[in-house]
Amino acid sequence: MNYYSEYSEDEWIDRNLNLPEKGVYVDCGAAYPFLRSNTAFLRERGWKGVAIEGNPYYLPEWTSNLVIAVLSQNPEARFDYHYAPDLSGIRPEGTPVRCRTLESILIEYGIEKVDFLSLDLEGSEFDALLSMNIARHEPSIIVSEYATAGKSDDWRVRDYLNTLGYKQVHQTVANAIYTK
C-alpha cells in the first residue's frame, strides 16, 4: 500500500480506522493528485469521489476528477494565487472570485453519502464545512487542517464537529482526524 499524506494521516487512518472496501471521498484543497494527498490511497483502492481546488495551476497535473472552485458559503471572496501554489487561498489581498458552496458541488456530482472528507484550504476549512449540509452527507471520517502557515491554529472545525457528535481521534502537526 502506498501512502501520500504530508504527515502520514492516510497511513494512520488505514491502520486504525475501519475503512470500507469501496467508498466516496471529497478532497477540498486537492492540489497535486499524489503529492501530500490525503485521498490518493483511496483512489488507488478504487474509491470514487471528487477533488476540488481553487488554484487552476494544478489542473495539468490531473487527468480527470478535478473541479476548479473556491469554496465558501459567501458568494464572492478574494483568492490569492500565491507564488507558492500550495499556499494559495482566500485572503484580503487576493483577486475577486465567485465562490461555490461545497453543497452545490456534491449535488452536481450526485454525491449523497461521503465516507471521507478532506479539508485543506489554508485557513478556510470552517467556512467550506459550513457550506455543505453535513447532516445530509454524514461524512464518516473527516481530516481537517487546523495549522496553516502564517496563521494561528484554528479549532472552529473541531468545536463545530463536536456539537454534531464527532470526536477527534488523531492529530498531527497540521491536521486533525474526526469520526462519528
N, C-alpha and C. Protein backbone atom coordinates (compact mmCIF):
# COMPACT_ATOMS: atom_id res chain seq x y z
N MET A 1 0.85 -1.18 0.00
CA MET A 1 0.00 0.00 0.00
C MET A 1 0.89 1.24 0.00
N ASN A 2 0.58 2.17 -0.88
CA ASN A 2 1.29 3.44 -0.93
C ASN A 2 0.54 4.47 -0.11
N TYR A 3 1.28 5.35 0.54
CA TYR A 3 0.70 6.44 1.33
C TYR A 3 1.29 7.76 0.84
N TYR A 4 0.49 8.82 0.91
CA TYR A 4 0.89 10.08 0.29
C TYR A 4 0.72 11.32 1.17
N SER A 5 -0.02 11.22 2.25
CA SER A 5 -0.30 12.40 3.10
C SER A 5 1.00 13.05 3.58
N GLU A 6 0.91 14.33 3.82
CA GLU A 6 2.09 15.09 4.25
C GLU A 6 2.62 14.62 5.61
N TYR A 7 1.72 14.29 6.53
CA TYR A 7 2.13 13.87 7.88
C TYR A 7 1.60 12.48 8.22
N SER A 8 1.51 11.61 7.23
CA SER A 8 1.11 10.20 7.40
C SER A 8 -0.31 10.01 7.91
N GLU A 9 -1.19 10.99 7.65
CA GLU A 9 -2.58 10.85 8.07
C GLU A 9 -3.23 9.64 7.41
N ASP A 10 -2.97 9.46 6.11
CA ASP A 10 -3.58 8.33 5.39
C ASP A 10 -3.15 6.99 5.97
N GLU A 11 -1.89 6.85 6.30
CA GLU A 11 -1.40 5.60 6.88
C GLU A 11 -2.04 5.36 8.24
N TRP A 12 -2.14 6.41 9.07
CA TRP A 12 -2.77 6.26 10.38
C TRP A 12 -4.23 5.82 10.21
N ILE A 13 -4.94 6.45 9.29
CA ILE A 13 -6.35 6.11 9.05
C ILE A 13 -6.46 4.66 8.59
N ASP A 14 -5.62 4.26 7.66
CA ASP A 14 -5.67 2.90 7.12
C ASP A 14 -5.42 1.86 8.22
N ARG A 15 -4.53 2.16 9.13
CA ARG A 15 -4.16 1.18 10.17
C ARG A 15 -5.06 1.22 11.40
N ASN A 16 -5.77 2.34 11.60
CA ASN A 16 -6.51 2.49 12.85
C ASN A 16 -8.02 2.63 12.73
N LEU A 17 -8.52 2.93 11.55
CA LEU A 17 -9.96 3.10 11.37
C LEU A 17 -10.49 2.03 10.43
N ASN A 18 -11.74 1.73 10.58
CA ASN A 18 -12.37 0.70 9.77
C ASN A 18 -12.90 1.31 8.48
N LEU A 19 -12.07 1.29 7.44
CA LEU A 19 -12.46 1.84 6.14
C LEU A 19 -13.25 0.80 5.36
N PRO A 20 -14.32 1.24 4.68
CA PRO A 20 -14.99 0.30 3.80
C PRO A 20 -14.08 -0.03 2.61
N GLU A 21 -14.33 -1.17 1.97
CA GLU A 21 -13.52 -1.57 0.83
C GLU A 21 -13.62 -0.54 -0.30
N LYS A 22 -14.83 -0.08 -0.56
CA LYS A 22 -15.08 0.97 -1.56
C LYS A 22 -15.87 2.07 -0.88
N GLY A 23 -15.66 3.29 -1.32
CA GLY A 23 -16.38 4.41 -0.72
C GLY A 23 -16.31 5.64 -1.59
N VAL A 24 -16.76 6.74 -1.01
CA VAL A 24 -16.78 8.03 -1.71
C VAL A 24 -15.97 9.03 -0.88
N TYR A 25 -15.04 9.69 -1.55
CA TYR A 25 -14.24 10.73 -0.91
C TYR A 25 -14.56 12.09 -1.53
N VAL A 26 -14.32 13.15 -0.74
CA VAL A 26 -14.37 14.52 -1.24
C VAL A 26 -13.10 15.19 -0.71
N ASP A 27 -12.28 15.68 -1.62
CA ASP A 27 -10.98 16.26 -1.28
C ASP A 27 -11.01 17.75 -1.59
N CYS A 28 -11.13 18.57 -0.57
CA CYS A 28 -11.21 20.04 -0.71
C CYS A 28 -9.83 20.63 -0.48
N GLY A 29 -9.29 21.27 -1.51
CA GLY A 29 -7.91 21.76 -1.47
C GLY A 29 -6.99 20.65 -1.94
N ALA A 30 -7.36 20.02 -3.05
CA ALA A 30 -6.71 18.80 -3.52
C ALA A 30 -5.26 19.00 -3.98
N ALA A 31 -4.94 20.15 -4.56
CA ALA A 31 -3.59 20.43 -5.08
C ALA A 31 -3.13 19.33 -6.05
N TYR A 32 -2.00 18.71 -5.76
CA TYR A 32 -1.48 17.64 -6.62
C TYR A 32 -2.25 16.34 -6.37
N PRO A 33 -2.40 15.49 -7.38
CA PRO A 33 -3.16 14.26 -7.19
C PRO A 33 -2.49 13.26 -6.25
N PHE A 34 -1.16 13.30 -6.11
CA PHE A 34 -0.49 12.33 -5.24
C PHE A 34 0.40 12.98 -4.19
N LEU A 35 1.07 14.06 -4.49
CA LEU A 35 1.98 14.70 -3.54
C LEU A 35 1.20 15.31 -2.38
N ARG A 36 1.47 14.88 -1.17
CA ARG A 36 0.82 15.37 0.06
C ARG A 36 -0.71 15.23 -0.01
N SER A 37 -1.19 14.15 -0.60
CA SER A 37 -2.63 13.94 -0.77
C SER A 37 -3.19 13.02 0.31
N ASN A 38 -4.31 13.43 0.90
CA ASN A 38 -4.99 12.59 1.88
C ASN A 38 -5.89 11.55 1.22
N THR A 39 -6.15 11.70 -0.08
CA THR A 39 -7.11 10.81 -0.75
C THR A 39 -6.50 9.91 -1.83
N ALA A 40 -5.24 10.08 -2.18
CA ALA A 40 -4.64 9.27 -3.26
C ALA A 40 -4.70 7.78 -2.93
N PHE A 41 -4.47 7.41 -1.68
CA PHE A 41 -4.51 5.99 -1.33
C PHE A 41 -5.91 5.42 -1.51
N LEU A 42 -6.93 6.25 -1.36
CA LEU A 42 -8.31 5.79 -1.57
C LEU A 42 -8.59 5.60 -3.06
N ARG A 43 -8.10 6.52 -3.89
CA ARG A 43 -8.28 6.38 -5.34
C ARG A 43 -7.59 5.10 -5.82
N GLU A 44 -6.42 4.82 -5.29
CA GLU A 44 -5.71 3.60 -5.67
C GLU A 44 -6.50 2.34 -5.30
N ARG A 45 -7.33 2.43 -4.27
CA ARG A 45 -8.17 1.30 -3.85
C ARG A 45 -9.46 1.20 -4.65
N GLY A 46 -9.68 2.17 -5.54
CA GLY A 46 -10.89 2.13 -6.35
C GLY A 46 -12.04 2.95 -5.83
N TRP A 47 -11.79 3.77 -4.81
CA TRP A 47 -12.83 4.66 -4.32
C TRP A 47 -13.17 5.69 -5.40
N LYS A 48 -14.39 6.19 -5.35
CA LYS A 48 -14.84 7.24 -6.26
C LYS A 48 -14.97 8.53 -5.45
N GLY A 49 -14.96 9.64 -6.15
CA GLY A 49 -15.13 10.90 -5.44
C GLY A 49 -14.84 12.08 -6.32
N VAL A 50 -14.63 13.20 -5.65
CA VAL A 50 -14.37 14.45 -6.35
C VAL A 50 -13.25 15.20 -5.62
N ALA A 51 -12.36 15.78 -6.41
CA ALA A 51 -11.28 16.62 -5.89
C ALA A 51 -11.60 18.06 -6.27
N ILE A 52 -11.47 18.96 -5.31
CA ILE A 52 -11.81 20.37 -5.51
C ILE A 52 -10.58 21.22 -5.17
N GLU A 53 -10.26 22.15 -6.05
CA GLU A 53 -9.09 23.00 -5.86
C GLU A 53 -9.39 24.39 -6.41
N GLY A 54 -9.00 25.42 -5.68
CA GLY A 54 -9.25 26.79 -6.11
C GLY A 54 -8.24 27.33 -7.10
N ASN A 55 -7.06 26.75 -7.15
CA ASN A 55 -6.00 27.27 -8.00
C ASN A 55 -5.87 26.42 -9.27
N PRO A 56 -6.16 26.99 -10.44
CA PRO A 56 -6.07 26.23 -11.70
C PRO A 56 -4.64 25.80 -12.05
N TYR A 57 -3.65 26.26 -11.32
CA TYR A 57 -2.26 25.83 -11.52
C TYR A 57 -2.15 24.31 -11.54
N TYR A 58 -2.98 23.64 -10.73
CA TYR A 58 -2.88 22.19 -10.58
C TYR A 58 -3.61 21.41 -11.67
N LEU A 59 -4.41 22.07 -12.49
CA LEU A 59 -5.22 21.39 -13.50
C LEU A 59 -4.41 20.45 -14.41
N PRO A 60 -3.23 20.86 -14.92
CA PRO A 60 -2.47 19.96 -15.79
C PRO A 60 -1.98 18.68 -15.08
N GLU A 61 -1.94 18.69 -13.76
CA GLU A 61 -1.48 17.52 -13.01
C GLU A 61 -2.53 16.41 -12.97
N TRP A 62 -3.77 16.77 -13.19
CA TRP A 62 -4.88 15.82 -13.08
C TRP A 62 -5.32 15.36 -14.45
N THR A 63 -5.62 14.08 -14.60
CA THR A 63 -6.17 13.57 -15.86
C THR A 63 -7.68 13.72 -15.88
N SER A 64 -8.30 13.73 -14.73
CA SER A 64 -9.74 13.93 -14.60
C SER A 64 -10.06 14.16 -13.14
N ASN A 65 -11.33 14.37 -12.85
CA ASN A 65 -11.80 14.38 -11.47
C ASN A 65 -11.45 15.63 -10.68
N LEU A 66 -11.03 16.72 -11.31
CA LEU A 66 -10.70 17.93 -10.56
C LEU A 66 -11.69 19.03 -10.92
N VAL A 67 -12.28 19.61 -9.88
CA VAL A 67 -13.19 20.75 -10.04
C VAL A 67 -12.43 21.98 -9.57
N ILE A 68 -12.34 23.00 -10.42
CA ILE A 68 -11.71 24.24 -10.01
C ILE A 68 -12.80 25.12 -9.41
N ALA A 69 -12.71 25.32 -8.11
CA ALA A 69 -13.71 26.13 -7.41
C ALA A 69 -13.14 26.62 -6.09
N VAL A 70 -13.47 27.85 -5.74
CA VAL A 70 -13.16 28.39 -4.43
C VAL A 70 -14.41 28.13 -3.57
N LEU A 71 -14.23 27.40 -2.48
CA LEU A 71 -15.35 27.00 -1.63
C LEU A 71 -15.60 28.02 -0.54
N SER A 72 -16.85 28.44 -0.43
CA SER A 72 -17.24 29.36 0.63
C SER A 72 -18.75 29.42 0.68
N GLN A 73 -19.27 29.72 1.85
CA GLN A 73 -20.70 29.97 1.96
C GLN A 73 -21.05 31.38 1.47
N ASN A 74 -20.02 32.20 1.25
CA ASN A 74 -20.21 33.54 0.71
C ASN A 74 -20.16 33.47 -0.82
N PRO A 75 -20.97 34.26 -1.53
CA PRO A 75 -20.97 34.18 -2.99
C PRO A 75 -19.68 34.67 -3.64
N GLU A 76 -18.96 35.56 -2.98
CA GLU A 76 -17.71 36.07 -3.53
C GLU A 76 -16.65 36.16 -2.44
N ALA A 77 -15.40 36.08 -2.86
CA ALA A 77 -14.27 36.22 -1.93
C ALA A 77 -13.08 36.74 -2.72
N ARG A 78 -11.99 36.96 -2.04
CA ARG A 78 -10.74 37.34 -2.70
C ARG A 78 -9.80 36.16 -2.55
N PHE A 79 -9.32 35.65 -3.68
CA PHE A 79 -8.46 34.47 -3.69
C PHE A 79 -7.06 34.88 -4.11
N ASP A 80 -6.10 34.55 -3.27
CA ASP A 80 -4.69 34.87 -3.52
C ASP A 80 -4.04 33.69 -4.24
N TYR A 81 -3.70 33.88 -5.52
CA TYR A 81 -2.98 32.88 -6.29
C TYR A 81 -1.50 33.05 -5.94
N HIS A 82 -1.07 32.45 -4.86
CA HIS A 82 0.25 32.62 -4.27
C HIS A 82 1.34 32.10 -5.20
N TYR A 83 2.53 32.72 -5.17
CA TYR A 83 3.65 32.26 -5.99
C TYR A 83 4.06 30.84 -5.62
N ALA A 84 3.80 30.44 -4.36
CA ALA A 84 3.94 29.03 -3.94
C ALA A 84 2.51 28.48 -3.95
N PRO A 85 2.11 27.79 -5.01
CA PRO A 85 0.71 27.42 -5.19
C PRO A 85 0.07 26.72 -4.00
N ASP A 86 0.86 25.96 -3.23
CA ASP A 86 0.30 25.27 -2.06
C ASP A 86 -0.22 26.25 -1.01
N LEU A 87 0.21 27.49 -1.08
CA LEU A 87 -0.21 28.49 -0.09
C LEU A 87 -1.32 29.40 -0.62
N SER A 88 -1.85 29.11 -1.79
CA SER A 88 -2.96 29.90 -2.33
C SER A 88 -4.18 29.73 -1.43
N GLY A 89 -5.00 30.77 -1.37
CA GLY A 89 -6.21 30.67 -0.56
C GLY A 89 -6.94 31.99 -0.49
N ILE A 90 -8.03 31.99 0.24
CA ILE A 90 -8.84 33.19 0.43
C ILE A 90 -8.09 34.13 1.36
N ARG A 91 -7.80 35.34 0.83
CA ARG A 91 -7.10 36.37 1.60
C ARG A 91 -7.55 37.75 1.13
N PRO A 92 -7.51 38.75 2.01
CA PRO A 92 -7.96 40.09 1.64
C PRO A 92 -7.22 40.68 0.44
N GLU A 93 -5.95 40.31 0.25
CA GLU A 93 -5.16 40.89 -0.86
C GLU A 93 -5.37 40.15 -2.17
N GLY A 94 -6.24 39.15 -2.19
CA GLY A 94 -6.44 38.34 -3.39
C GLY A 94 -7.31 38.99 -4.46
N THR A 95 -7.45 38.26 -5.55
CA THR A 95 -8.27 38.66 -6.69
C THR A 95 -9.73 38.30 -6.42
N PRO A 96 -10.68 39.19 -6.72
CA PRO A 96 -12.10 38.84 -6.51
C PRO A 96 -12.50 37.63 -7.36
N VAL A 97 -13.15 36.65 -6.73
CA VAL A 97 -13.63 35.45 -7.42
C VAL A 97 -15.03 35.11 -6.93
N ARG A 98 -15.78 34.43 -7.80
CA ARG A 98 -17.07 33.88 -7.40
C ARG A 98 -16.81 32.57 -6.69
N CYS A 99 -17.56 32.31 -5.67
CA CYS A 99 -17.39 31.09 -4.88
C CYS A 99 -18.52 30.12 -5.13
N ARG A 100 -18.26 28.88 -4.82
CA ARG A 100 -19.27 27.84 -4.85
C ARG A 100 -19.36 27.23 -3.47
N THR A 101 -20.54 26.76 -3.15
CA THR A 101 -20.66 26.02 -1.90
C THR A 101 -20.25 24.58 -2.16
N LEU A 102 -19.77 23.94 -1.12
CA LEU A 102 -19.46 22.52 -1.22
C LEU A 102 -20.73 21.73 -1.52
N GLU A 103 -21.84 22.17 -0.95
CA GLU A 103 -23.13 21.50 -1.19
C GLU A 103 -23.48 21.51 -2.68
N SER A 104 -23.27 22.64 -3.37
CA SER A 104 -23.62 22.71 -4.79
C SER A 104 -22.79 21.73 -5.62
N ILE A 105 -21.54 21.52 -5.24
CA ILE A 105 -20.69 20.57 -5.96
C ILE A 105 -21.13 19.14 -5.67
N LEU A 106 -21.47 18.84 -4.43
CA LEU A 106 -21.94 17.50 -4.09
C LEU A 106 -23.23 17.17 -4.85
N ILE A 107 -24.11 18.15 -4.95
CA ILE A 107 -25.37 17.94 -5.71
C ILE A 107 -25.04 17.74 -7.19
N GLU A 108 -24.17 18.58 -7.74
CA GLU A 108 -23.81 18.47 -9.16
C GLU A 108 -23.25 17.09 -9.50
N TYR A 109 -22.45 16.52 -8.60
CA TYR A 109 -21.83 15.22 -8.84
C TYR A 109 -22.65 14.05 -8.31
N GLY A 110 -23.85 14.34 -7.81
CA GLY A 110 -24.74 13.28 -7.35
C GLY A 110 -24.22 12.53 -6.13
N ILE A 111 -23.47 13.22 -5.29
CA ILE A 111 -22.90 12.57 -4.10
C ILE A 111 -23.86 12.73 -2.94
N GLU A 112 -24.33 11.61 -2.44
CA GLU A 112 -25.22 11.60 -1.26
C GLU A 112 -24.40 11.37 0.01
N LYS A 113 -23.84 10.19 0.15
CA LYS A 113 -23.06 9.83 1.33
C LYS A 113 -21.58 10.08 1.07
N VAL A 114 -20.93 10.76 1.99
CA VAL A 114 -19.49 11.00 1.92
C VAL A 114 -18.83 10.13 2.98
N ASP A 115 -17.97 9.22 2.55
CA ASP A 115 -17.27 8.36 3.51
C ASP A 115 -16.03 9.04 4.08
N PHE A 116 -15.40 9.91 3.27
CA PHE A 116 -14.13 10.53 3.67
C PHE A 116 -14.10 11.95 3.14
N LEU A 117 -13.96 12.92 4.04
CA LEU A 117 -13.90 14.33 3.67
C LEU A 117 -12.55 14.88 4.12
N SER A 118 -11.80 15.47 3.18
CA SER A 118 -10.53 16.09 3.49
C SER A 118 -10.64 17.59 3.23
N LEU A 119 -10.26 18.39 4.23
CA LEU A 119 -10.31 19.85 4.14
C LEU A 119 -8.91 20.42 4.36
N ASP A 120 -8.32 20.95 3.31
CA ASP A 120 -7.00 21.58 3.39
C ASP A 120 -7.06 22.86 2.56
N LEU A 121 -7.61 23.91 3.19
CA LEU A 121 -7.94 25.14 2.46
C LEU A 121 -7.23 26.37 3.01
N GLU A 122 -6.08 26.17 3.58
CA GLU A 122 -5.23 27.27 4.05
C GLU A 122 -5.97 28.29 4.92
N GLY A 123 -6.76 27.78 5.86
CA GLY A 123 -7.46 28.66 6.80
C GLY A 123 -8.94 28.83 6.53
N SER A 124 -9.44 28.29 5.43
CA SER A 124 -10.87 28.44 5.08
C SER A 124 -11.66 27.15 5.28
N GLU A 125 -11.13 26.22 6.05
CA GLU A 125 -11.78 24.94 6.26
C GLU A 125 -13.17 25.09 6.89
N PHE A 126 -13.27 25.93 7.91
CA PHE A 126 -14.54 26.09 8.62
C PHE A 126 -15.62 26.67 7.71
N ASP A 127 -15.28 27.69 6.95
CA ASP A 127 -16.25 28.29 6.02
C ASP A 127 -16.71 27.26 4.98
N ALA A 128 -15.79 26.48 4.45
CA ALA A 128 -16.16 25.45 3.47
C ALA A 128 -17.06 24.39 4.10
N LEU A 129 -16.75 23.99 5.32
CA LEU A 129 -17.57 22.99 6.00
C LEU A 129 -18.99 23.51 6.22
N LEU A 130 -19.11 24.79 6.56
CA LEU A 130 -20.44 25.38 6.75
C LEU A 130 -21.21 25.48 5.44
N SER A 131 -20.51 25.38 4.31
CA SER A 131 -21.18 25.50 3.01
C SER A 131 -21.76 24.17 2.52
N MET A 132 -21.72 23.15 3.36
CA MET A 132 -22.33 21.87 3.00
C MET A 132 -23.34 21.46 4.05
N ASN A 133 -24.29 20.65 3.66
CA ASN A 133 -25.28 20.10 4.59
C ASN A 133 -24.67 18.82 5.17
N ILE A 134 -23.98 18.97 6.27
CA ILE A 134 -23.23 17.84 6.85
C ILE A 134 -24.17 16.74 7.33
N ALA A 135 -25.37 17.10 7.78
CA ALA A 135 -26.34 16.08 8.23
C ALA A 135 -26.81 15.24 7.05
N ARG A 136 -26.91 15.84 5.89
CA ARG A 136 -27.36 15.11 4.70
C ARG A 136 -26.30 14.12 4.20
N HIS A 137 -25.04 14.54 4.20
CA HIS A 137 -23.96 13.73 3.62
C HIS A 137 -23.23 12.89 4.65
N GLU A 138 -23.33 13.25 5.91
CA GLU A 138 -22.82 12.49 7.05
C GLU A 138 -21.45 11.84 6.83
N PRO A 139 -20.40 12.65 6.65
CA PRO A 139 -19.08 12.05 6.46
C PRO A 139 -18.68 11.16 7.64
N SER A 140 -18.13 9.99 7.33
CA SER A 140 -17.70 9.05 8.37
C SER A 140 -16.36 9.47 8.97
N ILE A 141 -15.46 9.93 8.10
CA ILE A 141 -14.12 10.36 8.52
C ILE A 141 -13.88 11.74 7.92
N ILE A 142 -13.38 12.65 8.76
CA ILE A 142 -13.04 14.00 8.30
C ILE A 142 -11.60 14.30 8.72
N VAL A 143 -10.80 14.72 7.75
CA VAL A 143 -9.45 15.22 8.03
C VAL A 143 -9.49 16.70 7.74
N SER A 144 -9.11 17.52 8.73
CA SER A 144 -9.15 18.96 8.53
C SER A 144 -7.88 19.61 9.05
N GLU A 145 -7.34 20.49 8.23
CA GLU A 145 -6.17 21.26 8.64
C GLU A 145 -6.59 22.26 9.71
N TYR A 146 -5.80 22.37 10.77
CA TYR A 146 -6.03 23.37 11.80
C TYR A 146 -4.85 24.34 11.92
N ALA A 147 -3.71 23.94 11.39
CA ALA A 147 -2.50 24.77 11.47
C ALA A 147 -2.06 25.14 10.06
N THR A 148 -2.25 26.39 9.72
CA THR A 148 -1.88 26.91 8.40
C THR A 148 -0.70 27.85 8.57
N ALA A 149 0.29 27.73 7.71
CA ALA A 149 1.48 28.57 7.78
C ALA A 149 1.10 30.04 7.84
N GLY A 150 1.66 30.76 8.80
CA GLY A 150 1.43 32.19 8.92
C GLY A 150 0.15 32.57 9.64
N LYS A 151 -0.62 31.58 10.11
CA LYS A 151 -1.87 31.85 10.83
C LYS A 151 -1.86 31.11 12.15
N SER A 152 -2.65 31.61 13.11
CA SER A 152 -2.76 30.87 14.37
C SER A 152 -3.61 29.63 14.17
N ASP A 153 -3.41 28.66 15.04
CA ASP A 153 -4.21 27.44 14.97
C ASP A 153 -5.69 27.78 15.04
N ASP A 154 -6.48 27.11 14.22
CA ASP A 154 -7.91 27.37 14.10
C ASP A 154 -8.66 26.09 14.47
N TRP A 155 -9.37 26.13 15.59
CA TRP A 155 -10.08 24.95 16.10
C TRP A 155 -11.59 25.06 15.90
N ARG A 156 -12.05 25.96 15.02
CA ARG A 156 -13.50 26.08 14.81
C ARG A 156 -14.11 24.82 14.20
N VAL A 157 -13.40 24.14 13.32
CA VAL A 157 -13.92 22.89 12.74
C VAL A 157 -14.11 21.88 13.86
N ARG A 158 -13.12 21.70 14.72
CA ARG A 158 -13.23 20.75 15.84
C ARG A 158 -14.41 21.09 16.73
N ASP A 159 -14.52 22.37 17.10
CA ASP A 159 -15.61 22.77 18.00
C ASP A 159 -16.98 22.53 17.38
N TYR A 160 -17.11 22.83 16.09
CA TYR A 160 -18.36 22.62 15.38
C TYR A 160 -18.68 21.13 15.27
N LEU A 161 -17.69 20.34 14.88
CA LEU A 161 -17.92 18.91 14.75
C LEU A 161 -18.28 18.26 16.08
N ASN A 162 -17.70 18.75 17.17
CA ASN A 162 -18.07 18.22 18.50
C ASN A 162 -19.56 18.39 18.77
N THR A 163 -20.14 19.51 18.34
CA THR A 163 -21.58 19.73 18.57
C THR A 163 -22.43 18.79 17.73
N LEU A 164 -21.84 18.18 16.69
CA LEU A 164 -22.57 17.27 15.81
C LEU A 164 -22.30 15.80 16.14
N GLY A 165 -21.59 15.55 17.23
CA GLY A 165 -21.35 14.18 17.65
C GLY A 165 -20.06 13.55 17.13
N TYR A 166 -19.22 14.34 16.47
CA TYR A 166 -17.92 13.83 16.02
C TYR A 166 -16.92 13.94 17.15
N LYS A 167 -15.90 13.08 17.12
CA LYS A 167 -14.82 13.23 18.09
C LYS A 167 -13.48 13.17 17.37
N GLN A 168 -12.55 13.90 17.91
CA GLN A 168 -11.20 13.90 17.35
C GLN A 168 -10.51 12.62 17.80
N VAL A 169 -9.98 11.85 16.83
CA VAL A 169 -9.35 10.58 17.16
C VAL A 169 -7.83 10.59 16.94
N HIS A 170 -7.34 11.61 16.23
CA HIS A 170 -5.90 11.68 15.98
C HIS A 170 -5.55 13.11 15.58
N GLN A 171 -4.30 13.48 15.84
CA GLN A 171 -3.82 14.81 15.48
C GLN A 171 -2.37 14.72 15.04
N THR A 172 -2.05 15.43 13.95
CA THR A 172 -0.66 15.55 13.51
C THR A 172 -0.24 17.00 13.70
N VAL A 173 0.88 17.36 13.18
CA VAL A 173 1.39 18.72 13.34
C VAL A 173 0.49 19.76 12.68
N ALA A 174 -0.33 19.37 11.69
CA ALA A 174 -1.16 20.35 10.98
C ALA A 174 -2.62 19.94 10.82
N ASN A 175 -2.92 18.66 10.98
CA ASN A 175 -4.28 18.16 10.71
C ASN A 175 -4.85 17.39 11.88
N ALA A 176 -6.17 17.41 11.97
CA ALA A 176 -6.88 16.60 12.96
C ALA A 176 -7.82 15.67 12.21
N ILE A 177 -8.02 14.49 12.77
CA ILE A 177 -8.88 13.47 12.18
C ILE A 177 -10.06 13.25 13.12
N TYR A 178 -11.27 13.26 12.52
CA TYR A 178 -12.51 13.13 13.28
C TYR A 178 -13.33 11.97 12.75
N THR A 179 -14.05 11.31 13.66
CA THR A 179 -15.01 10.28 13.28
C THR A 179 -16.29 10.49 14.06
N LYS A 180 -17.35 9.87 13.56
CA LYS A 180 -18.63 9.96 14.26
C LYS A 180 -19.01 8.57 14.73
